[in-house]
Amino acid sequence: MAVNAAEAANSSVFVSGWRPAVGWCCVAALGYQYVVYPVLLWAVTFYPNLTAPKPVISDVLMELLFGLLGIAGLRAWEKTKGVAR
């Protein structure tokens, strides 16, 4: 836990650990999936010679996002068992 606290205390984005990097990758993938991908599909309807892009696997993205945000339900389980701090 001391290592995690030391990483989190660093002011540099690149040194503060893997969590920010995973978060930014998740944000980039979600941005592609819900903003860029629909625009590209719309463009394919007007330019049929373009190849339709492949979607991102959104189920995995949602699992990653929920895990990063702590929405997995484990915190509620901890509170019901009385082990939460």
C-alpha atoms as a PDB file:
ATOM      1  CA  MET A   1       0.000   0.000   0.000  1.00  0.00           C
ATOM      2  CA  ALA A   2       2.967   2.318   0.610  1.00  0.00           C
ATOM      3  CA  VAL A   3       4.057   1.907  -3.017  1.00  0.00           C
ATOM      4  CA  ASN A   4       0.576   2.835  -4.240  1.00  0.00           C
ATOM      5  CA  ALA A   5       0.548   5.892  -1.980  1.00  0.00           C
ATOM      6  CA  ALA A   6       3.992   6.964  -3.228  1.00  0.00           C
ATOM      7  CA  GLU A   7       2.921   6.557  -6.878  1.00  0.00           C
ATOM      8  CA  ALA A   8      -0.283   8.492  -6.309  1.00  0.00           C
ATOM      9  CA  ALA A   9       1.582  11.299  -4.529  1.00  0.00           C
ATOM     10  CA  ASN A  10       3.807  12.010  -7.523  1.00  0.00           C
ATOM     11  CA  SER A  11       2.726  15.069  -9.502  1.00  0.00           C
ATOM     12  CA  SER A  12       3.799  13.648 -12.887  1.00  0.00           C
ATOM     13  CA  VAL A  13       1.066  11.984 -14.927  1.00  0.00           C
ATOM     14  CA  PHE A  14       3.538   9.462 -16.321  1.00  0.00           C
ATOM     15  CA  VAL A  15       4.946   8.451 -12.947  1.00  0.00           C
ATOM     16  CA  SER A  16       1.758   8.318 -10.932  1.00  0.00           C
ATOM     17  CA  GLY A  17       1.049   4.764 -12.019  1.00  0.00           C
ATOM     18  CA  TRP A  18      -0.786   2.652 -14.515  1.00  0.00           C
ATOM     19  CA  ARG A  19      -4.268   3.781 -13.496  1.00  0.00           C
ATOM     20  CA  PRO A  20      -4.171   7.084 -15.416  1.00  0.00           C
ATOM     21  CA  ALA A  21      -2.844   5.333 -18.528  1.00  0.00           C
ATOM     22  CA  VAL A  22      -5.600   2.715 -18.405  1.00  0.00           C
ATOM     23  CA  GLY A  23      -8.140   5.468 -17.818  1.00  0.00           C
ATOM     24  CA  TRP A  24      -6.989   7.475 -20.831  1.00  0.00           C
ATOM     25  CA  CYS A  25      -6.979   4.357 -23.034  1.00  0.00           C
ATOM     26  CA  CYS A  26     -10.526   3.651 -21.892  1.00  0.00           C
ATOM     27  CA  VAL A  27     -11.561   7.249 -22.630  1.00  0.00           C
ATOM     28  CA  ALA A  28      -9.984   7.085 -26.096  1.00  0.00           C
ATOM     29  CA  ALA A  29     -11.706   3.784 -26.905  1.00  0.00           C
ATOM     30  CA  LEU A  30     -15.068   5.011 -25.618  1.00  0.00           C
ATOM     31  CA  GLY A  31     -14.651   8.229 -27.612  1.00  0.00           C
ATOM     32  CA  TYR A  32     -14.003   6.199 -30.746  1.00  0.00           C
ATOM     33  CA  GLN A  33     -16.899   3.817 -30.057  1.00  0.00           C
ATOM     34  CA  TYR A  34     -19.546   6.454 -29.340  1.00  0.00           C
ATOM     35  CA  VAL A  35     -18.392   9.510 -31.326  1.00  0.00           C
ATOM     36  CA  VAL A  36     -15.984   8.646 -34.147  1.00  0.00           C
ATOM     37  CA  TYR A  37     -17.423   5.248 -35.119  1.00  0.00           C
ATOM     38  CA  PRO A  38     -20.991   6.517 -35.759  1.00  0.00           C
ATOM     39  CA  VAL A  39     -19.623   9.411 -37.817  1.00  0.00           C
ATOM     40  CA  LEU A  40     -17.546   6.984 -39.887  1.00  0.00           C
ATOM     41  CA  LEU A  41     -20.582   4.754 -40.444  1.00  0.00           C
ATOM     42  CA  TRP A  42     -22.548   7.814 -41.530  1.00  0.00           C
ATOM     43  CA  ALA A  43     -19.752   8.757 -43.971  1.00  0.00           C
ATOM     44  CA  VAL A  44     -19.808   5.262 -45.482  1.00  0.00           C
ATOM     45  CA  THR A  45     -23.443   5.769 -46.468  1.00  0.00           C
ATOM     46  CA  PHE A  46     -22.465   8.792 -48.589  1.00  0.00           C
ATOM     47  CA  TYR A  47     -19.207   7.311 -49.921  1.00  0.00           C
ATOM     48  CA  PRO A  48     -19.897   3.640 -50.685  1.00  0.00           C
ATOM     49  CA  ASN A  49     -16.329   3.027 -51.892  1.00  0.00           C
ATOM     50  CA  LEU A  50     -15.134   3.408 -48.274  1.00  0.00           C
ATOM     51  CA  THR A  51     -14.840   0.329 -46.106  1.00  0.00           C
ATOM     52  CA  ALA A  52     -16.958   0.275 -42.979  1.00  0.00           C
ATOM     53  CA  PRO A  53     -14.809   0.462 -39.829  1.00  0.00           C
ATOM     54  CA  LYS A  54     -14.802  -2.231 -37.191  1.00  0.00           C
ATOM     55  CA  PRO A  55     -16.443  -1.487 -33.845  1.00  0.00           C
ATOM     56  CA  VAL A  56     -14.641  -1.706 -30.531  1.00  0.00           C
ATOM     57  CA  ILE A  57     -15.673  -4.529 -28.220  1.00  0.00           C
ATOM     58  CA  SER A  58     -17.883  -2.454 -25.951  1.00  0.00           C
ATOM     59  CA  ASP A  59     -18.564  -5.184 -23.371  1.00  0.00           C
ATOM     60  CA  VAL A  60     -14.903  -5.255 -22.400  1.00  0.00           C
ATOM     61  CA  LEU A  61     -14.807  -1.457 -22.330  1.00  0.00           C
ATOM     62  CA  MET A  62     -17.742  -1.301 -19.941  1.00  0.00           C
ATOM     63  CA  GLU A  63     -16.130  -3.860 -17.627  1.00  0.00           C
ATOM     64  CA  LEU A  64     -12.933  -1.822 -17.628  1.00  0.00           C
ATOM     65  CA  LEU A  65     -14.800   1.425 -17.022  1.00  0.00           C
ATOM     66  CA  PHE A  66     -16.858  -0.033 -14.178  1.00  0.00           C
ATOM     67  CA  GLY A  67     -13.734  -1.458 -12.593  1.00  0.00           C
ATOM     68  CA  LEU A  68     -11.894   1.853 -12.851  1.00  0.00           C
ATOM     69  CA  LEU A  69     -14.818   3.777 -11.416  1.00  0.00           C
ATOM     70  CA  GLY A  70     -15.463   1.250  -8.663  1.00  0.00           C
ATOM     71  CA  ILE A  71     -18.972   0.423  -9.840  1.00  0.00           C
ATOM     72  CA  ALA A  72     -18.404  -3.321  -9.687  1.00  0.00           C
ATOM     73  CA  GLY A  73     -20.501  -3.725  -6.540  1.00  0.00           C
ATOM     74  CA  LEU A  74     -17.635  -4.884  -4.360  1.00  0.00           C
ATOM     75  CA  ARG A  75     -17.757  -1.739  -2.242  1.00  0.00           C
ATOM     76  CA  ALA A  76     -21.404  -2.380  -1.397  1.00  0.00           C
ATOM     77  CA  TRP A  77     -20.512  -5.978  -0.495  1.00  0.00           C
ATOM     78  CA  GLU A  78     -17.764  -4.712   1.832  1.00  0.00           C
ATOM     79  CA  LYS A  79     -20.210  -2.358   3.551  1.00  0.00           C
ATOM     80  CA  THR A  80     -22.804  -5.065   4.099  1.00  0.00           C
ATOM     81  CA  LYS A  81     -20.163  -7.370   5.603  1.00  0.00           C
ATOM     82  CA  GLY A  82     -18.844  -4.588   7.861  1.00  0.00           C
ATOM     83  CA  VAL A  83     -15.284  -4.670   6.552  1.00  0.00           C
ATOM     84  CA  ALA A  84     -15.360  -1.238   4.885  1.00  0.00           C
ATOM     85  CA  ARG A  85     -13.176   1.493   6.340  1.00  0.00           C
END
